[in-house]
PDB file of N, CA and C in Angstrom:
ATOM      1  N   UNK A   1       4.409   2.196   3.298  1.00  0.00           N
ATOM      2  CA  UNK A   1       4.014   1.805   4.619  1.00  0.00           C
ATOM      3  C   UNK A   1       3.225   0.508   4.500  1.00  0.00           C
ATOM      4  N   UNK A   2       3.621  -0.537   5.172  1.00  0.00           N
ATOM      5  CA  UNK A   2       2.935  -1.830   5.143  1.00  0.00           C
ATOM      6  C   UNK A   2       2.428  -2.143   6.550  1.00  0.00           C
ATOM      7  N   UNK A   3       1.154  -2.510   6.617  1.00  0.00           N
ATOM      8  CA  UNK A   3       0.502  -2.845   7.876  1.00  0.00           C
ATOM      9  C   UNK A   3       0.146  -4.332   7.831  1.00  0.00           C
ATOM     10  N   UNK A   4       0.579  -5.086   8.844  1.00  0.00           N
ATOM     11  CA  UNK A   4       0.352  -6.528   8.891  1.00  0.00           C
ATOM     12  C   UNK A   4      -0.798  -6.867   9.823  1.00  0.00           C
ATOM     13  N   UNK A   5      -1.631  -7.819   9.382  1.00  0.00           N
ATOM     14  CA  UNK A   5      -2.701  -8.367  10.211  1.00  0.00           C
ATOM     15  C   UNK A   5      -2.754  -9.864   9.953  1.00  0.00           C
ATOM     16  N   UNK A   6      -2.168 -10.627  10.846  1.00  0.00           N
ATOM     17  CA  UNK A   6      -2.143 -12.083  10.682  1.00  0.00           C
ATOM     18  C   UNK A   6      -1.379 -12.490   9.430  1.00  0.00           C
ATOM     19  N   UNK A   7      -2.027 -13.290   8.578  1.00  0.00           N
ATOM     20  CA  UNK A   7      -1.405 -13.757   7.331  1.00  0.00           C
ATOM     21  C   UNK A   7      -1.545 -12.750   6.199  1.00  0.00           C
ATOM     22  N   UNK A   8      -2.062 -11.557   6.486  1.00  0.00           N
ATOM     23  CA  UNK A   8      -2.318 -10.561   5.448  1.00  0.00           C
ATOM     24  C   UNK A   8      -1.594  -9.256   5.759  1.00  0.00           C
ATOM     25  N   UNK A   9      -1.462  -8.438   4.736  1.00  0.00           N
ATOM     26  CA  UNK A   9      -0.883  -7.107   4.908  1.00  0.00           C
ATOM     27  C   UNK A   9      -1.447  -6.200   3.822  1.00  0.00           C
ATOM     28  N   UNK A  10      -1.460  -4.911   4.105  1.00  0.00           N
ATOM     29  CA  UNK A  10      -1.777  -3.936   3.065  1.00  0.00           C
ATOM     30  C   UNK A  10      -0.727  -2.844   3.116  1.00  0.00           C
ATOM     31  N   UNK A  11      -0.521  -2.224   1.967  1.00  0.00           N
ATOM     32  CA  UNK A  11       0.416  -1.111   1.922  1.00  0.00           C
ATOM     33  C   UNK A  11      -0.183   0.005   1.095  1.00  0.00           C
ATOM     34  N   UNK A  12       0.269   1.215   1.374  1.00  0.00           N
ATOM     35  CA  UNK A  12      -0.185   2.409   0.671  1.00  0.00           C
ATOM     36  C   UNK A  12       1.047   3.064   0.068  1.00  0.00           C
ATOM     37  N   UNK A  13       0.947   3.436  -1.218  1.00  0.00           N
ATOM     38  CA  UNK A  13       2.090   4.075  -1.886  1.00  0.00           C
ATOM     39  C   UNK A  13       1.600   5.170  -2.827  1.00  0.00           C
ATOM     40  N   UNK A  14       2.470   6.121  -3.092  1.00  0.00           N
ATOM     41  CA  UNK A  14       2.151   7.212  -4.009  1.00  0.00           C
ATOM     42  C   UNK A  14       2.142   6.715  -5.447  1.00  0.00           C
ATOM     43  N   UNK A  15       1.294   7.346  -6.279  1.00  0.00           N
ATOM     44  CA  UNK A  15       1.248   7.063  -7.714  1.00  0.00           C
ATOM     45  C   UNK A  15       1.679   8.331  -8.438  1.00  0.00           C
ATOM     46  N   UNK A  16       2.643   8.184  -9.352  1.00  0.00           N
ATOM     47  CA  UNK A  16       3.163   9.321 -10.102  1.00  0.00           C
ATOM     48  C   UNK A  16       2.869   9.169 -11.582  1.00  0.00           C
ATOM     49  N   UNK A  17       2.626  10.276 -12.258  1.00  0.00           N
ATOM     50  CA  UNK A  17       2.488  10.285 -13.710  1.00  0.00           C
ATOM     51  C   UNK A  17       3.868  10.015 -14.290  1.00  0.00           C
ATOM     52  N   UNK A  18       3.993   9.027 -15.160  1.00  0.00           N
ATOM     53  CA  UNK A  18       5.310   8.639 -15.673  1.00  0.00           C
ATOM     54  C   UNK A  18       5.942   9.717 -16.552  1.00  0.00           C
ATOM     55  N   UNK A  19       5.150  10.546 -17.196  1.00  0.00           N
ATOM     56  CA  UNK A  19       5.703  11.580 -18.072  1.00  0.00           C
ATOM     57  C   UNK A  19       6.164  12.815 -17.307  1.00  0.00           C
ATOM     58  N   UNK A  20       5.398  13.210 -16.284  1.00  0.00           N
ATOM     59  CA  UNK A  20       5.698  14.459 -15.582  1.00  0.00           C
ATOM     60  C   UNK A  20       6.266  14.254 -14.186  1.00  0.00           C
ATOM     61  N   UNK A  21       6.174  13.038 -13.660  1.00  0.00           N
ATOM     62  CA  UNK A  21       6.589  12.716 -12.297  1.00  0.00           C
ATOM     63  C   UNK A  21       5.813  13.508 -11.247  1.00  0.00           C
ATOM     64  N   UNK A  22       4.607  13.962 -11.604  1.00  0.00           N
ATOM     65  CA  UNK A  22       3.726  14.642 -10.661  1.00  0.00           C
ATOM     66  C   UNK A  22       2.859  13.583  -9.986  1.00  0.00           C
ATOM     67  N   UNK A  23       2.694  13.727  -8.686  1.00  0.00           N
ATOM     68  CA  UNK A  23       1.870  12.761  -7.969  1.00  0.00           C
ATOM     69  C   UNK A  23       0.429  12.868  -8.436  1.00  0.00           C
ATOM     70  N   UNK A  24      -0.172  11.718  -8.787  1.00  0.00           N
ATOM     71  CA  UNK A  24      -1.549  11.709  -9.289  1.00  0.00           C
ATOM     72  C   UNK A  24      -2.522  11.044  -8.323  1.00  0.00           C
ATOM     73  N   UNK A  25      -2.028  10.416  -7.279  1.00  0.00           N
ATOM     74  CA  UNK A  25      -2.917   9.767  -6.320  1.00  0.00           C
ATOM     75  C   UNK A  25      -2.162   8.775  -5.466  1.00  0.00           C
ATOM     76  N   UNK A  26      -2.910   7.822  -4.914  1.00  0.00           N
ATOM     77  CA  UNK A  26      -2.356   6.824  -4.009  1.00  0.00           C
ATOM     78  C   UNK A  26      -2.863   5.446  -4.408  1.00  0.00           C
ATOM     79  N   UNK A  27      -2.066   4.431  -4.179  1.00  0.00           N
ATOM     80  CA  UNK A  27      -2.435   3.051  -4.488  1.00  0.00           C
ATOM     81  C   UNK A  27      -2.328   2.228  -3.212  1.00  0.00           C
ATOM     82  N   UNK A  28      -3.274   1.307  -3.046  1.00  0.00           N
ATOM     83  CA  UNK A  28      -3.153   0.346  -1.963  1.00  0.00           C
ATOM     84  C   UNK A  28      -3.039  -1.044  -2.560  1.00  0.00           C
ATOM     85  N   UNK A  29      -2.291  -1.902  -1.892  1.00  0.00           N
ATOM     86  CA  UNK A  29      -2.101  -3.286  -2.307  1.00  0.00           C
ATOM     87  C   UNK A  29      -2.378  -4.181  -1.105  1.00  0.00           C
ATOM     88  N   UNK A  30      -3.113  -5.263  -1.344  1.00  0.00           N
ATOM     89  CA  UNK A  30      -3.435  -6.236  -0.312  1.00  0.00           C
ATOM     90  C   UNK A  30      -2.652  -7.512  -0.619  1.00  0.00           C
ATOM     91  N   UNK A  31      -1.951  -8.046   0.366  1.00  0.00           N
ATOM     92  CA  UNK A  31      -1.117  -9.232   0.183  1.00  0.00           C
ATOM     93  C   UNK A  31      -1.500 -10.337   1.166  1.00  0.00           C
ATOM     94  N   UNK A  32      -1.298 -11.564   0.739  1.00  0.00           N
ATOM     95  CA  UNK A  32      -1.265 -12.700   1.658  1.00  0.00           C
ATOM     96  C   UNK A  32       0.217 -12.900   1.941  1.00  0.00           C
ATOM     97  N   UNK A  33       0.589 -12.908   3.208  1.00  0.00           N
ATOM     98  CA  UNK A  33       1.987 -12.989   3.604  1.00  0.00           C
ATOM     99  C   UNK A  33       2.253 -14.386   4.152  1.00  0.00           C
ATOM    100  N   UNK A  34       3.022 -15.124   3.439  1.00  0.00           N
ATOM    101  CA  UNK A  34       3.444 -16.455   3.893  1.00  0.00           C
ATOM    102  C   UNK A  34       4.927 -16.559   3.559  1.00  0.00           C
ATOM    103  N   UNK A  35       5.335 -17.616   2.882  1.00  0.00           N
ATOM    104  CA  UNK A  35       6.746 -17.706   2.491  1.00  0.00           C
ATOM    105  C   UNK A  35       7.089 -16.617   1.485  1.00  0.00           C
ATOM    106  N   UNK A  36       6.140 -16.337   0.604  1.00  0.00           N
ATOM    107  CA  UNK A  36       6.306 -15.253  -0.371  1.00  0.00           C
ATOM    108  C   UNK A  36       5.058 -14.393  -0.327  1.00  0.00           C
ATOM    109  N   UNK A  37       5.198 -13.116  -0.630  1.00  0.00           N
ATOM    110  CA  UNK A  37       4.041 -12.231  -0.668  1.00  0.00           C
ATOM    111  C   UNK A  37       3.228 -12.527  -1.926  1.00  0.00           C
ATOM    112  N   UNK A  38       1.915 -12.679  -1.762  1.00  0.00           N
ATOM    113  CA  UNK A  38       1.010 -12.921  -2.874  1.00  0.00           C
ATOM    114  C   UNK A  38       0.051 -11.736  -2.969  1.00  0.00           C
ATOM    115  N   UNK A  39       0.131 -10.972  -4.063  1.00  0.00           N
ATOM    116  CA  UNK A  39      -0.753  -9.825  -4.254  1.00  0.00           C
ATOM    117  C   UNK A  39      -2.158 -10.329  -4.526  1.00  0.00           C
ATOM    118  N   UNK A  40      -3.114  -9.933  -3.683  1.00  0.00           N
ATOM    119  CA  UNK A  40      -4.500 -10.374  -3.832  1.00  0.00           C
ATOM    120  C   UNK A  40      -5.384  -9.313  -4.458  1.00  0.00           C
ATOM    121  N   UNK A  41      -5.204  -8.072  -4.062  1.00  0.00           N
ATOM    122  CA  UNK A  41      -6.035  -6.971  -4.563  1.00  0.00           C
ATOM    123  C   UNK A  41      -5.209  -5.695  -4.621  1.00  0.00           C
ATOM    124  N   UNK A  42      -5.648  -4.797  -5.462  1.00  0.00           N
ATOM    125  CA  UNK A  42      -5.020  -3.482  -5.545  1.00  0.00           C
ATOM    126  C   UNK A  42      -6.084  -2.473  -5.941  1.00  0.00           C
ATOM    127  N   UNK A  43      -5.880  -1.224  -5.599  1.00  0.00           N
ATOM    128  CA  UNK A  43      -6.823  -0.175  -5.952  1.00  0.00           C
ATOM    129  C   UNK A  43      -6.165   1.178  -5.811  1.00  0.00           C
ATOM    130  N   UNK A  44      -6.876   2.221  -6.242  1.00  0.00           N
ATOM    131  CA  UNK A  44      -6.329   3.569  -6.166  1.00  0.00           C
ATOM    132  C   UNK A  44      -7.331   4.518  -5.549  1.00  0.00           C
ATOM    133  N   UNK A  45      -6.823   5.597  -4.977  1.00  0.00           N
ATOM    134  CA  UNK A  45      -7.636   6.644  -4.380  1.00  0.00           C
ATOM    135  C   UNK A  45      -6.914   7.972  -4.563  1.00  0.00           C
ATOM    136  N   UNK A  46      -7.635   9.054  -4.388  1.00  0.00           N
ATOM    137  CA  UNK A  46      -7.042  10.381  -4.590  1.00  0.00           C
ATOM    138  C   UNK A  46      -6.185  10.835  -3.421  1.00  0.00           C
ATOM    139  N   UNK A  47      -6.494  10.362  -2.218  1.00  0.00           N
ATOM    140  CA  UNK A  47      -5.735  10.786  -1.042  1.00  0.00           C
ATOM    141  C   UNK A  47      -5.168   9.581  -0.308  1.00  0.00           C
ATOM    142  N   UNK A  48      -4.154   9.841   0.491  1.00  0.00           N
ATOM    143  CA  UNK A  48      -3.551   8.775   1.288  1.00  0.00           C
ATOM    144  C   UNK A  48      -4.569   8.201   2.269  1.00  0.00           C
ATOM    145  N   UNK A  49      -5.340   9.082   2.899  1.00  0.00           N
ATOM    146  CA  UNK A  49      -6.361   8.640   3.855  1.00  0.00           C
ATOM    147  C   UNK A  49      -7.374   7.717   3.196  1.00  0.00           C
ATOM    148  N   UNK A  50      -7.849   8.095   2.021  1.00  0.00           N
ATOM    149  CA  UNK A  50      -8.829   7.281   1.306  1.00  0.00           C
ATOM    150  C   UNK A  50      -8.239   5.939   0.901  1.00  0.00           C
ATOM    151  N   UNK A  51      -6.981   5.924   0.471  1.00  0.00           N
ATOM    152  CA  UNK A  51      -6.323   4.669   0.091  1.00  0.00           C
ATOM    153  C   UNK A  51      -6.138   3.767   1.301  1.00  0.00           C
ATOM    154  N   UNK A  52      -5.759   4.363   2.429  1.00  0.00           N
ATOM    155  CA  UNK A  52      -5.569   3.576   3.643  1.00  0.00           C
ATOM    156  C   UNK A  52      -6.889   2.971   4.114  1.00  0.00           C
ATOM    157  N   UNK A  53      -7.967   3.759   4.100  1.00  0.00           N
ATOM    158  CA  UNK A  53      -9.275   3.248   4.515  1.00  0.00           C
ATOM    159  C   UNK A  53      -9.768   2.156   3.576  1.00  0.00           C
ATOM    160  N   UNK A  54      -9.563   2.338   2.275  1.00  0.00           N
ATOM    161  CA  UNK A  54      -9.981   1.323   1.312  1.00  0.00           C
ATOM    162  C   UNK A  54      -9.187   0.038   1.506  1.00  0.00           C
ATOM    163  N   UNK A  55      -7.895   0.170   1.753  1.00  0.00           N
ATOM    164  CA  UNK A  55      -7.061  -0.998   2.020  1.00  0.00           C
ATOM    165  C   UNK A  55      -7.499  -1.738   3.268  1.00  0.00           C
ATOM    166  N   UNK A  56      -7.825  -1.007   4.316  1.00  0.00           N
ATOM    167  CA  UNK A  56      -8.296  -1.622   5.551  1.00  0.00           C
ATOM    168  C   UNK A  56      -9.623  -2.347   5.324  1.00  0.00           C
ATOM    169  N   UNK A  57     -10.519  -1.717   4.561  1.00  0.00           N
ATOM    170  CA  UNK A  57     -11.829  -2.311   4.282  1.00  0.00           C
ATOM    171  C   UNK A  57     -11.670  -3.604   3.479  1.00  0.00           C
ATOM    172  N   UNK A  58     -10.841  -3.571   2.427  1.00  0.00           N
ATOM    173  CA  UNK A  58     -10.613  -4.754   1.600  1.00  0.00           C
ATOM    174  C   UNK A  58      -9.976  -5.872   2.423  1.00  0.00           C
ATOM    175  N   UNK A  59      -9.032  -5.521   3.271  1.00  0.00           N
ATOM    176  CA  UNK A  59      -8.364  -6.512   4.116  1.00  0.00           C
ATOM    177  C   UNK A  59      -9.361  -7.153   5.076  1.00  0.00           C
ATOM    178  N   UNK A  60     -10.232  -6.359   5.671  1.00  0.00           N
ATOM    179  CA  UNK A  60     -11.250  -6.892   6.584  1.00  0.00           C
ATOM    180  C   UNK A  60     -12.168  -7.862   5.843  1.00  0.00           C
ATOM    181  N   UNK A  61     -12.544  -7.533   4.597  1.00  0.00           N
ATOM    182  CA  UNK A  61     -13.382  -8.432   3.800  1.00  0.00           C
ATOM    183  C   UNK A  61     -12.681  -9.768   3.552  1.00  0.00           C
ATOM    184  N   UNK A  62     -11.395  -9.723   3.235  1.00  0.00           N
ATOM    185  CA  UNK A  62     -10.637 -10.948   2.999  1.00  0.00           C
ATOM    186  C   UNK A  62     -10.567 -11.819   4.249  1.00  0.00           C
ATOM    187  N   UNK A  63     -10.299 -11.203   5.377  1.00  0.00           N
ATOM    188  CA  UNK A  63     -10.188 -11.952   6.627  1.00  0.00           C
ATOM    189  C   UNK A  63     -11.539 -12.573   6.980  1.00  0.00           C
ATOM    190  N   UNK A  64     -12.627 -11.812   6.819  1.00  0.00           N
ATOM    191  CA  UNK A  64     -13.955 -12.350   7.104  1.00  0.00           C
ATOM    192  C   UNK A  64     -14.294 -13.509   6.177  1.00  0.00           C
ATOM    193  N   UNK A  65     -13.966 -13.384   4.896  1.00  0.00           N
ATOM    194  CA  UNK A  65     -14.242 -14.452   3.935  1.00  0.00           C
ATOM    195  C   UNK A  65     -13.465 -15.713   4.305  1.00  0.00           C
ATOM    196  N   UNK A  66     -12.215 -15.553   4.726  1.00  0.00           N
ATOM    197  CA  UNK A  66     -11.415 -16.703   5.116  1.00  0.00           C
ATOM    198  C   UNK A  66     -12.000 -17.374   6.362  1.00  0.00           C
ATOM    199  N   UNK A  67     -12.468 -16.583   7.292  1.00  0.00           N
ATOM    200  CA  UNK A  67     -13.043 -17.138   8.518  1.00  0.00           C
ATOM    201  C   UNK A  67     -14.340 -17.891   8.238  1.00  0.00           C
ATOM    202  N   UNK A  68     -15.069 -17.475   7.199  1.00  0.00           N
ATOM    203  CA  UNK A  68     -16.301 -18.172   6.811  1.00  0.00           C
ATOM    204  C   UNK A  68     -16.001 -19.378   5.932  1.00  0.00           C
ATOM    205  N   UNK A  69     -14.734 -19.569   5.594  1.00  0.00           N
ATOM    206  CA  UNK A  69     -14.336 -20.717   4.793  1.00  0.00           C
ATOM    207  C   UNK A  69     -14.431 -20.505   3.305  1.00  0.00           C
ATOM    208  N   UNK A  70     -14.588 -19.246   2.868  1.00  0.00           N
ATOM    209  CA  UNK A  70     -14.650 -18.951   1.442  1.00  0.00           C
ATOM    210  C   UNK A  70     -13.266 -18.587   0.945  1.00  0.00           C
ATOM    211  N   UNK A  71     -13.033 -18.800  -0.338  1.00  0.00           N
ATOM    212  CA  UNK A  71     -11.769 -18.381  -0.939  1.00  0.00           C
ATOM    213  C   UNK A  71     -11.832 -16.885  -1.193  1.00  0.00           C
ATOM    214  N   UNK A  72     -10.804 -16.141  -0.814  1.00  0.00           N
ATOM    215  CA  UNK A  72     -10.768 -14.704  -1.104  1.00  0.00           C
ATOM    216  C   UNK A  72     -10.770 -14.476  -2.607  1.00  0.00           C
ATOM    217  N   UNK A  73     -11.437 -13.416  -3.027  1.00  0.00           N
ATOM    218  CA  UNK A  73     -11.515 -13.093  -4.445  1.00  0.00           C
ATOM    219  C   UNK A  73     -10.177 -12.582  -4.933  1.00  0.00           C
ATOM    220  N   UNK A  74      -9.580 -13.286  -5.887  1.00  0.00           N
ATOM    221  CA  UNK A  74      -8.288 -12.867  -6.444  1.00  0.00           C
ATOM    222  C   UNK A  74      -8.477 -12.031  -7.698  1.00  0.00           C
ATOM    223  N   UNK A  75      -9.694 -12.018  -8.247  1.00  0.00           N
ATOM    224  CA  UNK A  75      -9.931 -11.360  -9.525  1.00  0.00           C
ATOM    225  C   UNK A  75      -9.823  -9.859  -9.462  1.00  0.00           C
ATOM    226  N   UNK A  76      -9.670  -9.264  -8.298  1.00  0.00           N
ATOM    227  CA  UNK A  76      -9.633  -7.816  -8.187  1.00  0.00           C
ATOM    228  C   UNK A  76      -8.218  -7.262  -8.263  1.00  0.00           C
ATOM    229  N   UNK A  77      -7.203  -8.110  -8.236  1.00  0.00           N
ATOM    230  CA  UNK A  77      -5.820  -7.624  -8.354  1.00  0.00           C
ATOM    231  C   UNK A  77      -5.580  -7.205  -9.788  1.00  0.00           C
ATOM    232  N   UNK A  78      -4.879  -6.092  -9.951  1.00  0.00           N
ATOM    233  CA  UNK A  78      -4.601  -5.604 -11.312  1.00  0.00           C
ATOM    234  C   UNK A  78      -3.129  -5.660 -11.606  1.00  0.00           C
TER     235      UNK A  78
END
């Protein structure tokens, strides 16, 4: 599921254990959406709700930083 807000988007996806294929949690990814998607940040949470809230919070921080004229932190993408 990808949610767009202006030049940015976040998505939430399931994380599976590669050996057992059992779901182990959720991952969120924050993107800058222009000609190509640029991954800015990523993180994990135990539940879909927690991942979605964390993604929304990170996205809000990026938008606020851009509005203040600061460069968004890229060092948090894994």
